[in-house]
PDB file of all heavy atoms in Angstrom:
ATOM      1  N   ALA A   1       0.840  -1.198  -0.008  1.00  0.00           N
ATOM      2  CA  ALA A   1      -0.003   0.000   0.001  1.00  0.00           C
ATOM      3  C   ALA A   1       0.864   1.262   0.000  1.00  0.00           C
ATOM      4  O   ALA A   1       0.617   2.202  -0.757  1.00  0.00           O
ATOM      5  CB  ALA A   1      -0.923  -0.012   1.204  1.00  0.00           C
ATOM      6  N   MET A   2       1.906   1.241   0.826  1.00  0.00           N
ATOM      7  CA  MET A   2       2.810   2.396   0.883  1.00  0.00           C
ATOM      8  C   MET A   2       3.514   2.611  -0.455  1.00  0.00           C
ATOM      9  O   MET A   2       3.675   3.730  -0.893  1.00  0.00           O
ATOM     10  CB  MET A   2       3.803   2.212   2.016  1.00  0.00           C
ATOM     11  CG  MET A   2       3.168   2.262   3.408  1.00  0.00           C
ATOM     12  SD  MET A   2       4.266   1.758   4.747  1.00  0.00           S
ATOM     13  CE  MET A   2       5.504   3.029   4.685  1.00  0.00           C
ATOM     14  N   ALA A   3       3.935   1.498  -1.069  1.00  0.00           N
ATOM     15  CA  ALA A   3       4.613   1.605  -2.379  1.00  0.00           C
ATOM     16  C   ALA A   3       3.666   2.188  -3.438  1.00  0.00           C
ATOM     17  O   ALA A   3       4.132   2.806  -4.414  1.00  0.00           O
ATOM     18  CB  ALA A   3       5.103   0.206  -2.811  1.00  0.00           C
ATOM     19  N   ALA A   4       2.380   1.998  -3.261  1.00  0.00           N
ATOM     20  CA  ALA A   4       1.385   2.525  -4.175  1.00  0.00           C
ATOM     21  C   ALA A   4       0.912   3.914  -3.747  1.00  0.00           C
ATOM     22  O   ALA A   4      -0.149   4.383  -4.188  1.00  0.00           O
ATOM     23  CB  ALA A   4       0.207   1.579  -4.275  1.00  0.00           C
ATOM     24  N   SER A   5       1.691   4.587  -2.911  1.00  0.00           N
ATOM     25  CA  SER A   5       1.368   5.953  -2.453  1.00  0.00           C
ATOM     26  C   SER A   5       0.057   6.010  -1.681  1.00  0.00           C
ATOM     27  O   SER A   5      -0.749   6.919  -1.851  1.00  0.00           O
ATOM     28  CB  SER A   5       1.321   6.946  -3.612  1.00  0.00           C
ATOM     29  OG  SER A   5       2.556   7.024  -4.237  1.00  0.00           O
ATOM     30  N   ARG A   6      -0.164   5.044  -0.815  1.00  0.00           N
ATOM     31  CA  ARG A   6      -1.349   5.058   0.010  1.00  0.00           C
ATOM     32  C   ARG A   6      -0.972   5.357   1.457  1.00  0.00           C
ATOM     33  O   ARG A   6       0.013   4.836   1.973  1.00  0.00           O
ATOM     34  CB  ARG A   6      -2.082   3.703  -0.053  1.00  0.00           C
ATOM     35  CG  ARG A   6      -2.575   3.327  -1.434  1.00  0.00           C
ATOM     36  CD  ARG A   6      -3.624   4.311  -1.908  1.00  0.00           C
ATOM     37  NE  ARG A   6      -4.100   3.964  -3.232  1.00  0.00           N
ATOM     38  CZ  ARG A   6      -3.761   4.581  -4.355  1.00  0.00           C
ATOM     39  NH1 ARG A   6      -2.885   5.575  -4.316  1.00  0.00           N
ATOM     40  NH2 ARG A   6      -4.266   4.229  -5.497  1.00  0.00           N
ATOM     41  N   CYS A   7      -1.756   6.174   2.096  1.00  0.00           N
ATOM     42  CA  CYS A   7      -1.568   6.480   3.502  1.00  0.00           C
ATOM     43  C   CYS A   7      -2.104   5.270   4.297  1.00  0.00           C
ATOM     44  O   CYS A   7      -3.192   4.773   4.027  1.00  0.00           O
ATOM     45  CB  CYS A   7      -2.344   7.730   3.863  1.00  0.00           C
ATOM     46  SG  CYS A   7      -2.188   8.199   5.575  1.00  0.00           S
ATOM     47  N   VAL A   8      -1.312   4.809   5.247  1.00  0.00           N
ATOM     48  CA  VAL A   8      -1.726   3.638   6.010  1.00  0.00           C
ATOM     49  C   VAL A   8      -1.971   4.002   7.476  1.00  0.00           C
ATOM     50  O   VAL A   8      -1.360   4.916   8.010  1.00  0.00           O
ATOM     51  CB  VAL A   8      -0.683   2.499   5.912  1.00  0.00           C
ATOM     52  CG1 VAL A   8      -0.564   2.014   4.482  1.00  0.00           C
ATOM     53  CG2 VAL A   8       0.668   2.936   6.440  1.00  0.00           C
ATOM     54  N   ILE A   9      -2.884   3.265   8.062  1.00  0.00           N
ATOM     55  CA  ILE A   9      -3.147   3.326   9.485  1.00  0.00           C
ATOM     56  C   ILE A   9      -2.990   1.892  10.013  1.00  0.00           C
ATOM     57  O   ILE A   9      -3.622   0.963   9.477  1.00  0.00           O
ATOM     58  CB  ILE A   9      -4.572   3.843   9.788  1.00  0.00           C
ATOM     59  CG1 ILE A   9      -4.772   5.232   9.167  1.00  0.00           C
ATOM     60  CG2 ILE A   9      -4.822   3.870  11.275  1.00  0.00           C
ATOM     61  CD1 ILE A   9      -6.200   5.736   9.211  1.00  0.00           C
ATOM     62  N   VAL A  10      -2.124   1.725  11.014  1.00  0.00           N
ATOM     63  CA  VAL A  10      -1.890   0.407  11.544  1.00  0.00           C
ATOM     64  C   VAL A  10      -1.956   0.426  13.060  1.00  0.00           C
ATOM     65  O   VAL A  10      -1.759   1.466  13.684  1.00  0.00           O
ATOM     66  CB  VAL A  10      -0.491  -0.143  11.089  1.00  0.00           C
ATOM     67  CG1 VAL A  10      -0.398  -0.177   9.576  1.00  0.00           C
ATOM     68  CG2 VAL A  10       0.633   0.673  11.675  1.00  0.00           C
ATOM     69  N   TYR A  11      -2.208  -0.741  13.609  1.00  0.00           N
ATOM     70  CA  TYR A  11      -2.138  -0.876  15.072  1.00  0.00           C
ATOM     71  C   TYR A  11      -0.675  -0.939  15.509  1.00  0.00           C
ATOM     72  O   TYR A  11       0.174  -1.455  14.784  1.00  0.00           O
ATOM     73  CB  TYR A  11      -2.826  -2.165  15.530  1.00  0.00           C
ATOM     74  CG  TYR A  11      -4.331  -2.134  15.532  1.00  0.00           C
ATOM     75  CD1 TYR A  11      -5.074  -3.204  15.091  1.00  0.00           C
ATOM     76  CD2 TYR A  11      -5.020  -1.019  16.029  1.00  0.00           C
ATOM     77  CE1 TYR A  11      -6.454  -3.194  15.131  1.00  0.00           C
ATOM     78  CE2 TYR A  11      -6.411  -1.003  16.062  1.00  0.00           C
ATOM     79  CZ  TYR A  11      -7.127  -2.080  15.624  1.00  0.00           C
ATOM     80  OH  TYR A  11      -8.479  -2.079  15.647  1.00  0.00           O
ATOM     81  N   ASP A  12      -0.420  -0.486  16.695  1.00  0.00           N
ATOM     82  CA  ASP A  12       0.891  -0.624  17.332  1.00  0.00           C
ATOM     83  C   ASP A  12       0.950  -2.062  17.855  1.00  0.00           C
ATOM     84  O   ASP A  12       0.778  -2.343  19.035  1.00  0.00           O
ATOM     85  CB  ASP A  12       1.047   0.388  18.469  1.00  0.00           C
ATOM     86  CG  ASP A  12       2.464   0.403  19.016  1.00  0.00           C
ATOM     87  OD1 ASP A  12       3.334  -0.294  18.512  1.00  0.00           O
ATOM     88  OD2 ASP A  12       2.671   1.137  20.009  1.00  0.00           O
ATOM     89  N   TRP A  13       1.219  -2.993  16.901  1.00  0.00           N
ATOM     90  CA  TRP A  13       1.078  -4.403  17.195  1.00  0.00           C
ATOM     91  C   TRP A  13       1.930  -5.165  16.193  1.00  0.00           C
ATOM     92  O   TRP A  13       1.857  -4.935  15.025  1.00  0.00           O
ATOM     93  CB  TRP A  13      -0.402  -4.775  17.073  1.00  0.00           C
ATOM     94  CG  TRP A  13      -0.799  -6.166  17.387  1.00  0.00           C
ATOM     95  CD1 TRP A  13      -1.325  -7.070  16.490  1.00  0.00           C
ATOM     96  CD2 TRP A  13      -0.766  -6.838  18.646  1.00  0.00           C
ATOM     97  NE1 TRP A  13      -1.624  -8.236  17.133  1.00  0.00           N
ATOM     98  CE2 TRP A  13      -1.281  -8.130  18.458  1.00  0.00           C
ATOM     99  CE3 TRP A  13      -0.340  -6.457  19.913  1.00  0.00           C
ATOM    100  CZ2 TRP A  13      -1.391  -9.041  19.498  1.00  0.00           C
ATOM    101  CZ3 TRP A  13      -0.445  -7.385  20.946  1.00  0.00           C
ATOM    102  CH2 TRP A  13      -0.978  -8.637  20.730  1.00  0.00           C
ATOM    103  N   GLY A  14       2.754  -6.058  16.675  1.00  0.00           N
ATOM    104  CA  GLY A  14       3.599  -6.811  15.758  1.00  0.00           C
ATOM    105  C   GLY A  14       4.712  -5.941  15.184  1.00  0.00           C
ATOM    106  O   GLY A  14       5.175  -4.986  15.793  1.00  0.00           O
ATOM    107  N   ALA A  15       5.090  -6.242  13.933  1.00  0.00           N
ATOM    108  CA  ALA A  15       6.197  -5.561  13.287  1.00  0.00           C
ATOM    109  C   ALA A  15       5.793  -4.293  12.537  1.00  0.00           C
ATOM    110  O   ALA A  15       6.670  -3.590  12.036  1.00  0.00           O
ATOM    111  CB  ALA A  15       6.883  -6.528  12.312  1.00  0.00           C
ATOM    112  N   LEU A  16       4.518  -4.009  12.461  1.00  0.00           N
ATOM    113  CA  LEU A  16       4.091  -2.869  11.649  1.00  0.00           C
ATOM    114  C   LEU A  16       4.677  -1.515  12.102  1.00  0.00           C
ATOM    115  O   LEU A  16       5.022  -0.709  11.231  1.00  0.00           O
ATOM    116  CB  LEU A  16       2.577  -2.816  11.575  1.00  0.00           C
ATOM    117  CG  LEU A  16       1.935  -4.034  10.884  1.00  0.00           C
ATOM    118  CD1 LEU A  16       0.427  -3.908  10.846  1.00  0.00           C
ATOM    119  CD2 LEU A  16       2.503  -4.218   9.483  1.00  0.00           C
ATOM    120  N   PRO A  17       4.831  -1.249  13.381  1.00  0.00           N
ATOM    121  CA  PRO A  17       5.441   0.022  13.753  1.00  0.00           C
ATOM    122  C   PRO A  17       6.893   0.173  13.261  1.00  0.00           C
ATOM    123  O   PRO A  17       7.372   1.278  13.071  1.00  0.00           O
ATOM    124  CB  PRO A  17       5.396  -0.010  15.287  1.00  0.00           C
ATOM    125  CG  PRO A  17       4.243  -0.873  15.607  1.00  0.00           C
ATOM    126  CD  PRO A  17       4.272  -1.943  14.527  1.00  0.00           C
ATOM    127  N   GLU A  18       7.567  -0.937  13.012  1.00  0.00           N
ATOM    128  CA  GLU A  18       8.910  -0.875  12.443  1.00  0.00           C
ATOM    129  C   GLU A  18       8.888  -0.484  10.978  1.00  0.00           C
ATOM    130  O   GLU A  18       9.851   0.083  10.466  1.00  0.00           O
ATOM    131  CB  GLU A  18       9.627  -2.236  12.605  1.00  0.00           C
ATOM    132  CG  GLU A  18       9.825  -2.642  14.034  1.00  0.00           C
ATOM    133  CD  GLU A  18      10.307  -4.065  14.166  1.00  0.00           C
ATOM    134  OE1 GLU A  18      10.920  -4.598  13.186  1.00  0.00           O
ATOM    135  OE2 GLU A  18      10.060  -4.687  15.210  1.00  0.00           O
ATOM    136  N   LEU A  19       7.792  -0.770  10.317  1.00  0.00           N
ATOM    137  CA  LEU A  19       7.633  -0.471   8.885  1.00  0.00           C
ATOM    138  C   LEU A  19       7.107   0.941   8.649  1.00  0.00           C
ATOM    139  O   LEU A  19       7.578   1.624   7.750  1.00  0.00           O
ATOM    140  CB  LEU A  19       6.705  -1.518   8.277  1.00  0.00           C
ATOM    141  CG  LEU A  19       6.438  -1.448   6.793  1.00  0.00           C
ATOM    142  CD1 LEU A  19       7.719  -1.632   6.011  1.00  0.00           C
ATOM    143  CD2 LEU A  19       5.437  -2.530   6.404  1.00  0.00           C
ATOM    144  N   VAL A  20       6.161   1.365   9.441  1.00  0.00           N
ATOM    145  CA  VAL A  20       5.524   2.667   9.259  1.00  0.00           C
ATOM    146  C   VAL A  20       6.245   3.713  10.103  1.00  0.00           C
ATOM    147  O   VAL A  20       6.047   3.822  11.300  1.00  0.00           O
ATOM    148  CB  VAL A  20       4.020   2.585   9.639  1.00  0.00           C
ATOM    149  CG1 VAL A  20       3.364   3.962   9.416  1.00  0.00           C
ATOM    150  CG2 VAL A  20       3.334   1.522   8.827  1.00  0.00           C
ATOM    151  N   LYS A  21       7.100   4.462   9.462  1.00  0.00           N
ATOM    152  CA  LYS A  21       7.897   5.492  10.159  1.00  0.00           C
ATOM    153  C   LYS A  21       7.095   6.779  10.263  1.00  0.00           C
ATOM    154  O   LYS A  21       6.148   7.008   9.497  1.00  0.00           O
ATOM    155  CB  LYS A  21       9.222   5.728   9.393  1.00  0.00           C
ATOM    156  CG  LYS A  21      10.096   4.482   9.309  1.00  0.00           C
ATOM    157  CD  LYS A  21      10.460   4.007  10.702  1.00  0.00           C
ATOM    158  CE  LYS A  21      11.334   2.781  10.644  1.00  0.00           C
ATOM    159  NZ  LYS A  21      11.513   2.128  11.906  1.00  0.00           N
ATOM    160  N   PRO A  22       7.476   7.659  11.178  1.00  0.00           N
ATOM    161  CA  PRO A  22       6.754   8.928  11.344  1.00  0.00           C
ATOM    162  C   PRO A  22       6.654   9.690  10.012  1.00  0.00           C
ATOM    163  O   PRO A  22       7.626   9.759   9.270  1.00  0.00           O
ATOM    164  CB  PRO A  22       7.623   9.700  12.344  1.00  0.00           C
ATOM    165  CG  PRO A  22       8.328   8.630  13.121  1.00  0.00           C
ATOM    166  CD  PRO A  22       8.590   7.518  12.143  1.00  0.00           C
ATOM    167  N   GLY A  23       5.477  10.173   9.749  1.00  0.00           N
ATOM    168  CA  GLY A  23       5.226  10.938   8.505  1.00  0.00           C
ATOM    169  C   GLY A  23       4.858  10.063   7.326  1.00  0.00           C
ATOM    170  O   GLY A  23       4.463  10.568   6.284  1.00  0.00           O
ATOM    171  N   CYS A  24       4.953   8.726   7.482  1.00  0.00           N
ATOM    172  CA  CYS A  24       4.646   7.790   6.389  1.00  0.00           C
ATOM    173  C   CYS A  24       3.335   7.079   6.586  1.00  0.00           C
ATOM    174  O   CYS A  24       2.951   6.211   5.816  1.00  0.00           O
ATOM    175  CB  CYS A  24       5.772   6.736   6.261  1.00  0.00           C
ATOM    176  SG  CYS A  24       7.349   7.443   5.777  1.00  0.00           S
ATOM    177  N   GLY A  25       2.665   7.373   7.658  1.00  0.00           N
ATOM    178  CA  GLY A  25       1.392   6.730   8.003  1.00  0.00           C
ATOM    179  C   GLY A  25       1.087   6.988   9.460  1.00  0.00           C
ATOM    180  O   GLY A  25       1.749   7.801  10.096  1.00  0.00           O
ATOM    181  N   PHE A  26       0.108   6.291   9.986  1.00  0.00           N
ATOM    182  CA  PHE A  26      -0.323   6.495  11.359  1.00  0.00           C
ATOM    183  C   PHE A  26      -0.321   5.190  12.114  1.00  0.00           C
ATOM    184  O   PHE A  26      -0.815   4.164  11.608  1.00  0.00           O
ATOM    185  CB  PHE A  26      -1.703   7.125  11.384  1.00  0.00           C
ATOM    186  CG  PHE A  26      -1.724   8.508  10.772  1.00  0.00           C
ATOM    187  CD1 PHE A  26      -1.903   8.670   9.404  1.00  0.00           C
ATOM    188  CD2 PHE A  26      -1.538   9.616  11.573  1.00  0.00           C
ATOM    189  CE1 PHE A  26      -1.898   9.921   8.852  1.00  0.00           C
ATOM    190  CE2 PHE A  26      -1.540  10.894  11.015  1.00  0.00           C
ATOM    191  CZ  PHE A  26      -1.716  11.039   9.629  1.00  0.00           C
ATOM    192  N   ILE A  27       0.216   5.221  13.323  1.00  0.00           N
ATOM    193  CA  ILE A  27       0.227   4.060  14.202  1.00  0.00           C
ATOM    194  C   ILE A  27      -0.655   4.403  15.390  1.00  0.00           C
ATOM    195  O   ILE A  27      -0.475   5.435  16.046  1.00  0.00           O
ATOM    196  CB  ILE A  27       1.676   3.765  14.676  1.00  0.00           C
ATOM    197  CG1 ILE A  27       2.593   3.532  13.496  1.00  0.00           C
ATOM    198  CG2 ILE A  27       1.686   2.590  15.642  1.00  0.00           C
ATOM    199  CD1 ILE A  27       4.072   3.509  13.830  1.00  0.00           C
ATOM    200  N   VAL A  28      -1.632   3.541  15.611  1.00  0.00           N
ATOM    201  CA  VAL A  28      -2.588   3.794  16.726  1.00  0.00           C
ATOM    202  C   VAL A  28      -2.498   2.625  17.706  1.00  0.00           C
ATOM    203  O   VAL A  28      -2.074   1.510  17.326  1.00  0.00           O
ATOM    204  CB  VAL A  28      -4.033   3.961  16.182  1.00  0.00           C
ATOM    205  CG1 VAL A  28      -4.136   5.181  15.267  1.00  0.00           C
ATOM    206  CG2 VAL A  28      -4.524   2.693  15.486  1.00  0.00           C
TER     207      VAL A  28
END
């Protein structure tokens, strides 16, 4: 999704916070 220029929202769960850096999406 990020490679396709999509804004992502992910849970702070598992490895996703390591992938979604500040300014590249939202971690909740």
